[in-house]
Amino acid sequence: MIDLNLIRERPDMVREALAKLSSDAPLDKIVALDERRRALLVEVESLRAERNRVSKEIPRVRDQEERQGLIAAMREVGQRIDVLDQELAPVEQELYELQLHVPNIPDESVPVGADESENVVISEHGTRPSFPFEPLPHWDLGPALDIIDLDRGVKVSGSRFYLLKGMGARLQRALISYMLDVHTLQQAYVEIYPPYLVRRECLVGTAQLPKFAENQYVDQEDDLWLIPTAEVPVTNMYREEILDEAALPIYHTAYTACFRREKMSAGRDTRGIKRGHQFDKVELVKFVKPETSMDELHGLIHDAAAVLEGLGLPYRVVQMCTGDLSFSAAAKYDLEVWAAGCEEWLEVSSCSNFKDFQARRASIRYRPAEGGRPEYVHTLNGSGLALPRTLIAIMENNQTHDGRIIVPEVLRPYMAGIEAIGPTS
């Protein structure tokens, strides 16, 4: 959440920022509740101070009648404090819940735009492949090679589910291992294997709840939620902790399956395996000091892009405008890979700087080495990378005229040396 002091002291700036996001966050109600809360707190603290002062005087009062009068008066003060405390509790709870619906404030570097059509392409890398034949989309190529089974996936679990078979499953497993090795052996990330089920407060901490509750899968009996991304359990590793400044920055990477109800994407990308309720992803998560977080964001983009470079896949970097910025991000860049069969750019990573937005919700702070009060860390995350779209790009960009798929050289050690997927593999 954003700092309540910011709303209190600079409401016009916050309103201007929310207007750029086309947000309908209840800012006016938050301001009114905050004023009510502070008025109640002032009255409560005043009464407590009076009670403490008079309580110290009572033992020195010799007149019995006067003493009893003071005791009775303080009893009434105590009752008034109890009444105010009962009035204050729901005000504070409502104020907290309303704050959870306020999106993050965009960084000054974020371009203003109405929607995704106004996102900015920052750079393009690699060469899009050209073919002397009509390249197949993965929904034709995969079944033809018997490495994707769309029909049986639907039979088992319903729409937007699929099965990977044989070399398809092996190629995905190779990709995951390669990604983790890049991030842990070539970069500075520590691998985490987290739970796939988390408590409700973990999703509140990373801002999937309460805003996006309808997109989550939940076990109602135990109130445990299937993770939409490894960002959730990994970020919440340090929930309600105060870290030493010397421990920062902290870099983690994690492979998990991810689960999301694709309600917001109804009617989009229905063919193939581009968008499903379950998918695999390798995630990158950073915990850093505030003054370094924008530099860390560009480092995160570089780290995710290194996988695409290694795989030899053409990609581009796209900066999100305010109209396409996620609820919790202060700044966000997407990595999009070119898929020759679909003939489109597919998002395989969103690299976001949340600044202190998640840290405030999850109460993740660090203690400055020189002393002073603990400060909130800045958190960042990005996919490094998301499947199955990376798998799609490999299949479609590396297909041959005879229907095979050339395995990228960096994946061959994870594929027992197999160079191509096809009739001879």
Protein backbone atom coordinates (compact mmCIF):
# COMPACT_ATOMS: atom_id res chain seq x y z
CA MET A 1 0.00 0.00 0.00
CA ILE A 2 1.09 3.59 -0.39
CA ASP A 3 2.09 5.63 2.62
CA LEU A 4 -0.96 7.08 4.39
CA ASN A 5 1.11 10.18 5.17
CA LEU A 6 1.42 10.76 1.42
CA ILE A 7 -2.36 10.70 1.03
CA ARG A 8 -2.75 12.96 4.06
CA GLU A 9 -0.08 15.51 3.14
CA ARG A 10 -0.22 15.49 -0.67
CA PRO A 11 -3.75 14.44 -1.64
CA ASP A 12 -3.71 16.42 -4.90
CA MET A 13 -0.55 14.69 -6.07
CA VAL A 14 -2.06 11.29 -5.25
CA ARG A 15 -5.30 12.18 -7.07
CA GLU A 16 -3.31 13.23 -10.14
CA ALA A 17 -1.38 9.96 -10.08
CA LEU A 18 -4.55 7.88 -9.72
CA ALA A 19 -6.12 9.79 -12.62
CA LYS A 20 -3.21 8.68 -14.83
CA LEU A 21 -4.04 5.11 -13.83
CA SER A 22 -7.77 5.59 -14.46
CA SER A 23 -8.23 4.33 -10.90
CA ASP A 24 -11.49 4.58 -8.99
CA ALA A 25 -9.78 4.08 -5.61
CA PRO A 26 -11.85 5.54 -2.73
CA LEU A 27 -9.43 8.35 -1.91
CA ASP A 28 -12.02 10.80 -0.56
CA LYS A 29 -13.39 8.20 1.83
CA ILE A 30 -9.86 7.35 2.97
CA VAL A 31 -9.15 11.02 3.70
CA ALA A 32 -12.41 11.38 5.64
CA LEU A 33 -11.82 8.19 7.65
CA ASP A 34 -8.26 9.22 8.40
CA GLU A 35 -9.49 12.55 9.76
CA ARG A 36 -12.08 10.74 11.90
CA ARG A 37 -9.44 8.30 13.15
CA ARG A 38 -7.03 11.07 14.10
CA ALA A 39 -9.77 13.00 15.91
CA LEU A 40 -10.65 9.92 17.91
CA LEU A 41 -7.00 9.26 18.71
CA VAL A 42 -6.50 12.85 19.89
CA GLU A 43 -9.49 12.57 22.21
CA VAL A 44 -8.41 9.15 23.52
CA GLU A 45 -4.84 10.27 24.16
CA SER A 46 -6.07 13.44 25.87
CA LEU A 47 -8.32 11.43 28.18
CA ARG A 48 -5.55 8.95 28.94
CA ALA A 49 -3.17 11.77 29.79
CA GLU A 50 -5.79 13.28 32.09
CA ARG A 51 -6.41 9.93 33.75
CA ASN A 52 -2.69 9.37 34.30
CA ARG A 53 -2.23 12.85 35.75
CA VAL A 54 -5.19 12.63 38.12
CA SER A 55 -4.32 9.06 39.13
CA LYS A 56 -0.94 10.30 40.35
CA GLU A 57 -2.62 13.08 42.35
CA ILE A 58 -5.29 10.94 44.05
CA PRO A 59 -2.94 9.34 46.65
CA ARG A 60 -1.92 12.86 47.78
CA VAL A 61 -5.51 14.07 48.29
CA ARG A 62 -6.30 13.93 52.01
CA ASP A 63 -9.94 14.91 51.83
CA GLN A 64 -11.88 11.63 51.53
CA GLU A 65 -14.86 13.16 49.73
CA GLU A 66 -12.63 14.91 47.21
CA ARG A 67 -10.67 11.72 46.69
CA GLN A 68 -13.80 9.67 46.00
CA GLY A 69 -15.00 12.34 43.61
CA LEU A 70 -11.77 12.13 41.65
CA ILE A 71 -11.94 8.34 41.60
CA ALA A 72 -15.51 8.47 40.29
CA ALA A 73 -14.54 11.04 37.67
CA MET A 74 -11.63 8.87 36.48
CA ARG A 75 -13.96 5.88 36.31
CA GLU A 76 -16.13 7.89 33.90
CA VAL A 77 -13.04 8.88 31.94
CA GLY A 78 -12.11 5.19 31.67
CA GLN A 79 -15.58 4.33 30.43
CA ARG A 80 -15.35 7.11 27.83
CA ILE A 81 -11.98 5.75 26.69
CA ASP A 82 -13.52 2.29 26.31
CA VAL A 83 -16.35 3.74 24.21
CA LEU A 84 -13.90 5.63 22.00
CA ASP A 85 -11.68 2.54 21.60
CA GLN A 86 -14.73 0.56 20.44
CA GLU A 87 -15.54 3.33 17.98
CA LEU A 88 -11.91 3.58 16.81
CA ALA A 89 -11.40 -0.13 16.03
CA PRO A 90 -13.90 -0.38 13.11
CA VAL A 91 -12.71 2.97 11.75
CA GLU A 92 -9.11 1.72 11.67
CA GLN A 93 -10.16 -1.59 10.11
CA GLU A 94 -12.21 0.10 7.39
CA LEU A 95 -9.39 2.55 6.72
CA TYR A 96 -6.91 -0.33 6.34
CA GLU A 97 -9.22 -2.25 4.00
CA LEU A 98 -9.82 0.81 1.83
CA GLN A 99 -6.08 1.44 1.57
CA LEU A 100 -5.67 -2.05 0.13
CA HIS A 101 -7.70 -0.93 -2.90
CA VAL A 102 -5.40 1.98 -3.75
CA PRO A 103 -2.88 1.13 -6.51
CA ASN A 104 0.77 2.06 -6.42
CA ILE A 105 1.91 5.52 -7.50
CA PRO A 106 3.68 5.42 -10.90
CA ASP A 107 7.33 6.35 -10.99
CA GLU A 108 8.16 9.59 -12.78
CA SER A 109 9.80 7.58 -15.57
CA VAL A 110 6.54 5.87 -16.55
CA PRO A 111 5.00 7.33 -19.74
CA VAL A 112 1.40 8.51 -19.49
CA GLY A 113 -0.97 6.56 -21.72
CA ALA A 114 -4.53 5.31 -21.84
CA ASP A 115 -3.93 1.61 -22.51
CA GLU A 116 -1.52 -0.99 -23.89
CA SER A 117 -1.57 0.66 -27.33
CA GLU A 118 0.52 3.47 -25.82
CA ASN A 119 3.22 1.26 -24.34
CA VAL A 120 6.70 2.15 -25.55
CA VAL A 121 9.01 -0.30 -27.35
CA ILE A 122 12.43 0.45 -25.87
CA SER A 123 14.58 -1.94 -27.90
CA GLU A 124 14.46 -5.01 -30.12
CA HIS A 125 17.10 -7.75 -30.06
CA GLY A 126 17.94 -10.59 -32.42
CA THR A 127 16.58 -11.31 -35.88
CA ARG A 128 13.11 -12.64 -36.51
CA PRO A 129 13.43 -15.88 -38.45
CA SER A 130 12.31 -16.17 -42.04
CA PHE A 131 11.30 -19.47 -43.64
CA PRO A 132 11.15 -20.80 -47.23
CA PHE A 133 7.86 -22.40 -46.17
CA GLU A 134 4.77 -21.44 -44.18
CA PRO A 135 5.70 -21.90 -40.50
CA LEU A 136 3.14 -23.71 -38.37
CA PRO A 137 1.68 -22.34 -35.16
CA HIS A 138 2.37 -24.50 -32.12
CA TRP A 139 -1.23 -25.71 -31.93
CA ASP A 140 -0.61 -27.50 -35.26
CA LEU A 141 3.08 -28.28 -34.85
CA GLY A 142 2.84 -29.74 -31.33
CA PRO A 143 0.06 -32.26 -32.03
CA ALA A 144 1.71 -33.24 -35.32
CA LEU A 145 4.85 -34.19 -33.39
CA ASP A 146 2.77 -35.75 -30.59
CA ILE A 147 4.38 -33.51 -27.97
CA ILE A 148 1.27 -31.46 -27.10
CA ASP A 149 -2.14 -33.02 -26.48
CA LEU A 150 -4.77 -30.31 -26.32
CA ASP A 151 -7.84 -32.56 -26.43
CA ARG A 152 -6.82 -34.81 -23.55
CA GLY A 153 -5.85 -31.82 -21.45
CA VAL A 154 -9.39 -30.51 -21.85
CA LYS A 155 -10.80 -33.97 -21.17
CA VAL A 156 -8.90 -34.20 -17.89
CA SER A 157 -9.39 -30.67 -16.54
CA GLY A 158 -11.50 -28.54 -18.87
CA SER A 159 -10.83 -25.55 -21.10
CA ARG A 160 -7.44 -23.83 -20.98
CA PHE A 161 -5.64 -26.98 -19.86
CA TYR A 162 -3.30 -29.14 -21.95
CA LEU A 163 -0.83 -32.03 -21.72
CA LEU A 164 2.82 -32.01 -22.73
CA LYS A 165 4.01 -35.44 -23.90
CA GLY A 166 7.34 -37.12 -24.50
CA MET A 167 9.82 -34.66 -25.91
CA GLY A 168 7.45 -31.77 -25.22
CA ALA A 169 7.53 -32.50 -21.49
CA ARG A 170 11.27 -33.08 -21.64
CA LEU A 171 11.88 -29.81 -23.48
CA GLN A 172 9.94 -27.89 -20.85
CA ARG A 173 11.88 -29.63 -18.06
CA ALA A 174 15.14 -28.77 -19.83
CA LEU A 175 14.08 -25.12 -20.09
CA ILE A 176 13.32 -24.90 -16.38
CA SER A 177 16.68 -26.44 -15.44
CA TYR A 178 18.53 -24.16 -17.85
CA MET A 179 16.81 -21.04 -16.49
CA LEU A 180 17.59 -21.94 -12.90
CA ASP A 181 21.22 -22.64 -13.77
CA VAL A 182 21.57 -19.28 -15.53
CA HIS A 183 20.17 -17.40 -12.55
CA THR A 184 22.04 -19.32 -9.85
CA LEU A 185 25.36 -20.14 -11.54
CA GLN A 186 25.86 -17.20 -13.89
CA GLN A 187 24.01 -14.59 -11.83
CA ALA A 188 23.63 -13.97 -8.09
CA TYR A 189 20.27 -15.55 -7.24
CA VAL A 190 19.71 -18.09 -4.47
CA GLU A 191 17.25 -20.82 -5.45
CA ILE A 192 14.12 -21.35 -3.36
CA TYR A 193 11.65 -24.21 -3.58
CA PRO A 194 8.55 -22.71 -1.94
CA PRO A 195 5.10 -24.08 -1.06
CA TYR A 196 2.44 -23.84 -3.75
CA LEU A 197 -0.24 -23.11 -1.13
CA VAL A 198 -0.07 -19.95 0.98
CA ARG A 199 -2.07 -18.18 3.64
CA ARG A 200 -4.47 -15.40 2.74
CA GLU A 201 -2.25 -12.71 4.26
CA CYS A 202 0.55 -13.65 1.86
CA LEU A 203 -1.62 -12.69 -1.12
CA VAL A 204 -2.57 -9.48 0.66
CA GLY A 205 1.13 -8.77 1.12
CA THR A 206 1.92 -9.02 -2.59
CA ALA A 207 -1.38 -7.29 -3.55
CA GLN A 208 -3.26 -10.12 -5.27
CA LEU A 209 -5.85 -9.78 -2.49
CA PRO A 210 -8.35 -8.33 -2.05
CA LYS A 211 -8.37 -6.71 -5.51
CA PHE A 212 -8.02 -9.89 -7.60
CA ALA A 213 -9.70 -12.50 -5.42
CA GLU A 214 -11.88 -13.82 -8.23
CA ASN A 215 -8.78 -14.79 -10.22
CA GLN A 216 -7.36 -17.00 -7.45
CA TYR A 217 -7.91 -20.67 -6.60
CA VAL A 218 -8.57 -21.31 -2.91
CA ASP A 219 -9.13 -24.22 -0.54
CA GLN A 220 -12.05 -22.84 1.47
CA GLU A 221 -11.75 -25.30 4.35
CA ASP A 222 -8.18 -24.36 5.33
CA ASP A 223 -8.18 -20.89 3.70
CA LEU A 224 -5.08 -21.81 1.73
CA TRP A 225 -4.58 -20.27 -1.71
CA LEU A 226 -2.84 -21.75 -4.75
CA ILE A 227 -0.07 -19.39 -5.78
CA PRO A 228 -0.52 -17.33 -8.98
CA THR A 229 3.26 -16.87 -9.08
CA ALA A 230 6.31 -17.73 -6.96
CA GLU A 231 6.51 -14.02 -6.18
CA VAL A 232 3.91 -14.63 -3.45
CA PRO A 233 5.66 -17.22 -1.24
CA VAL A 234 9.16 -15.89 -1.93
CA THR A 235 8.29 -12.28 -1.05
CA ASN A 236 6.49 -13.41 2.08
CA MET A 237 9.55 -15.34 3.29
CA TYR A 238 10.53 -12.10 5.02
CA ARG A 239 7.05 -11.03 6.07
CA GLU A 240 6.99 -9.09 9.37
CA GLU A 241 10.79 -9.17 9.62
CA ILE A 242 13.42 -6.50 10.11
CA LEU A 243 16.49 -7.36 8.03
CA ASP A 244 20.02 -6.12 8.58
CA GLU A 245 21.16 -3.60 6.00
CA ALA A 246 24.24 -5.77 5.41
CA ALA A 247 21.96 -8.57 4.17
CA LEU A 248 20.71 -6.41 1.27
CA PRO A 249 20.35 -6.86 -1.59
CA ILE A 250 18.71 -10.27 -1.45
CA TYR A 251 18.15 -12.08 -4.77
CA HIS A 252 16.02 -15.21 -5.02
CA THR A 253 14.87 -17.39 -7.90
CA ALA A 254 12.21 -20.09 -7.77
CA TYR A 255 10.56 -22.54 -10.10
CA THR A 256 6.87 -23.24 -9.41
CA ALA A 257 3.69 -24.19 -11.11
CA CYS A 258 1.33 -21.21 -11.11
CA PHE A 259 -2.46 -21.15 -10.94
CA ARG A 260 -4.81 -18.38 -12.09
CA ARG A 261 -8.39 -18.16 -13.19
CA GLU A 262 -8.09 -16.38 -16.53
CA LYS A 263 -11.32 -14.41 -16.10
CA MET A 264 -9.83 -11.09 -17.16
CA SER A 265 -8.66 -12.61 -20.44
CA ALA A 266 -11.98 -14.12 -21.52
CA GLY A 267 -12.02 -14.48 -25.30
CA ARG A 268 -8.28 -13.80 -25.68
CA ASP A 269 -5.59 -16.25 -26.86
CA THR A 270 -7.94 -19.22 -26.83
CA ARG A 271 -5.95 -21.32 -29.31
CA GLY A 272 -3.03 -23.43 -28.21
CA ILE A 273 -1.22 -23.10 -24.89
CA LYS A 274 -0.50 -19.37 -24.69
CA ARG A 275 -2.84 -18.75 -21.79
CA GLY A 276 -3.91 -21.38 -19.26
CA HIS A 277 -5.16 -21.77 -15.70
CA GLN A 278 -1.96 -23.69 -14.81
CA PHE A 279 1.49 -22.91 -16.13
CA ASP A 280 5.14 -23.18 -15.10
CA LYS A 281 7.40 -20.24 -14.39
CA VAL A 282 10.84 -19.43 -13.06
CA GLU A 283 10.60 -16.26 -10.99
CA LEU A 284 13.17 -13.67 -9.91
CA VAL A 285 12.58 -11.69 -6.70
CA LYS A 286 14.72 -8.90 -5.23
CA PHE A 287 14.78 -7.14 -1.84
CA VAL A 288 16.84 -3.96 -2.03
CA LYS A 289 17.49 -0.58 -0.43
CA PRO A 290 15.21 2.20 -1.72
CA GLU A 291 17.95 4.30 -3.32
CA THR A 292 19.05 1.40 -5.54
CA SER A 293 15.70 0.02 -6.70
CA MET A 294 15.47 1.66 -10.14
CA ASP A 295 19.01 0.49 -11.00
CA GLU A 296 18.02 -2.94 -9.68
CA LEU A 297 15.03 -2.93 -12.03
CA HIS A 298 17.27 -2.52 -15.06
CA GLY A 299 19.52 -5.25 -13.70
CA LEU A 300 16.47 -7.50 -13.36
CA ILE A 301 15.55 -6.90 -17.00
CA HIS A 302 19.10 -7.82 -18.03
CA ASP A 303 19.01 -11.01 -15.94
CA ALA A 304 15.73 -12.18 -17.47
CA ALA A 305 16.85 -11.25 -20.99
CA ALA A 306 20.01 -13.34 -20.57
CA VAL A 307 17.87 -16.46 -20.88
CA LEU A 308 16.44 -15.27 -24.20
CA GLU A 309 19.93 -14.37 -25.42
CA GLY A 310 21.17 -17.84 -24.52
CA LEU A 311 18.28 -19.48 -26.32
CA GLY A 312 18.85 -17.35 -29.40
CA LEU A 313 15.28 -16.03 -29.41
CA PRO A 314 14.40 -12.62 -30.87
CA TYR A 315 12.80 -10.39 -28.27
CA ARG A 316 11.94 -6.82 -27.45
CA VAL A 317 11.74 -4.71 -24.28
CA VAL A 318 8.50 -2.78 -23.79
CA GLN A 319 7.87 -0.13 -21.14
CA MET A 320 4.35 -0.11 -19.72
CA CYS A 321 2.49 3.20 -19.78
CA THR A 322 0.29 4.30 -16.88
CA GLY A 323 -2.83 2.82 -18.49
CA ASP A 324 -1.26 -0.66 -18.67
CA LEU A 325 0.66 -0.59 -15.40
CA SER A 326 -0.21 -3.35 -12.96
CA PHE A 327 -1.98 -2.53 -9.68
CA SER A 328 1.13 -2.94 -7.54
CA ALA A 329 3.95 -1.79 -9.83
CA ALA A 330 5.54 1.66 -9.73
CA ALA A 331 7.36 0.84 -12.98
CA LYS A 332 7.17 -2.18 -15.26
CA TYR A 333 8.90 -3.48 -18.38
CA ASP A 334 7.82 -6.52 -20.38
CA LEU A 335 10.07 -8.84 -22.33
CA GLU A 336 8.23 -10.10 -25.40
CA VAL A 337 9.52 -12.93 -27.57
CA TRP A 338 8.70 -13.29 -31.25
CA ALA A 339 6.77 -16.43 -32.23
CA ALA A 340 6.96 -17.03 -35.97
CA GLY A 341 4.01 -19.44 -36.27
CA CYS A 342 1.57 -17.27 -34.30
CA GLU A 343 3.18 -14.22 -35.93
CA GLU A 344 3.01 -12.21 -32.73
CA TRP A 345 5.00 -10.97 -29.78
CA LEU A 346 4.38 -13.02 -26.65
CA GLU A 347 5.06 -11.67 -23.17
CA VAL A 348 7.45 -13.99 -21.32
CA SER A 349 8.47 -11.68 -18.47
CA SER A 350 7.12 -8.66 -16.63
CA CYS A 351 9.87 -6.97 -14.63
CA SER A 352 8.41 -4.71 -11.97
CA ASN A 353 9.66 -2.36 -9.28
CA PHE A 354 7.06 -2.16 -6.50
CA LYS A 355 9.16 0.22 -4.39
CA ASP A 356 7.80 -0.01 -0.81
CA PHE A 357 4.24 -0.91 -1.88
CA GLN A 358 4.48 -4.63 -1.07
CA ALA A 359 6.85 -4.09 1.85
CA ARG A 360 4.29 -1.91 3.63
CA ARG A 361 1.58 -4.52 3.14
CA ALA A 362 3.84 -7.36 4.29
CA SER A 363 5.80 -5.31 6.86
CA ILE A 364 9.27 -6.06 5.47
CA ARG A 365 11.85 -3.60 6.75
CA TYR A 366 15.59 -3.27 7.24
CA ARG A 367 17.64 -1.64 9.97
CA PRO A 368 20.13 0.96 8.69
CA ALA A 369 23.70 0.15 9.64
CA GLU A 370 24.27 3.62 11.07
CA GLY A 371 21.26 3.24 13.34
CA GLY A 372 17.90 4.92 13.34
CA ARG A 373 14.42 3.64 12.76
CA PRO A 374 13.86 0.62 10.49
CA GLU A 375 12.91 1.48 6.91
CA TYR A 376 10.84 -0.40 4.35
CA VAL A 377 12.76 -2.34 1.72
CA HIS A 378 11.90 -2.07 -1.96
CA THR A 379 10.79 -5.27 -3.68
CA LEU A 380 11.08 -6.23 -7.33
CA ASN A 381 10.18 -9.28 -9.35
CA GLY A 382 10.19 -10.59 -12.87
CA SER A 383 9.78 -13.87 -14.70
CA GLY A 384 12.97 -15.47 -15.72
CA LEU A 385 11.13 -16.82 -17.74
CA ALA A 386 7.47 -17.80 -18.02
CA LEU A 387 6.40 -20.99 -19.70
CA PRO A 388 4.78 -22.11 -21.91
CA ARG A 389 5.32 -19.05 -24.10
CA THR A 390 9.08 -19.53 -24.12
CA LEU A 391 8.41 -23.10 -25.20
CA ILE A 392 6.10 -21.82 -27.96
CA ALA A 393 8.81 -19.51 -29.29
CA ILE A 394 11.39 -22.32 -29.40
CA MET A 395 8.98 -24.61 -31.24
CA GLU A 396 7.78 -22.06 -33.78
CA ASN A 397 11.07 -20.26 -34.47
CA ASN A 398 13.17 -23.43 -34.69
CA GLN A 399 10.92 -25.56 -36.91
CA THR A 400 12.21 -27.08 -40.13
CA HIS A 401 10.64 -27.79 -43.51
CA ASP A 402 10.30 -31.49 -42.63
CA GLY A 403 8.37 -30.78 -39.42
CA ARG A 404 11.15 -31.12 -36.86
CA ILE A 405 12.15 -28.69 -34.08
CA ILE A 406 15.83 -27.85 -33.66
CA VAL A 407 16.77 -27.88 -29.96
CA PRO A 408 18.75 -24.75 -28.92
CA GLU A 409 22.37 -25.65 -28.26
CA VAL A 410 22.27 -24.53 -24.61
CA LEU A 411 19.43 -26.99 -23.91
CA ARG A 412 21.07 -30.06 -25.44
CA PRO A 413 23.01 -31.01 -22.29
CA TYR A 414 19.64 -31.14 -20.51
CA MET A 415 18.18 -33.26 -23.35
CA ALA A 416 20.79 -36.06 -23.34
CA GLY A 417 22.40 -34.45 -26.37
CA ILE A 418 19.29 -34.52 -28.56
CA GLU A 419 19.63 -31.96 -31.36
CA ALA A 420 16.17 -32.10 -32.88
CA ILE A 421 12.67 -33.19 -31.95
CA GLY A 422 10.97 -35.10 -34.71
CA PRO A 423 10.64 -38.46 -36.41
CA THR A 424 14.32 -39.35 -35.82
CA SER A 425 14.45 -38.28 -32.14
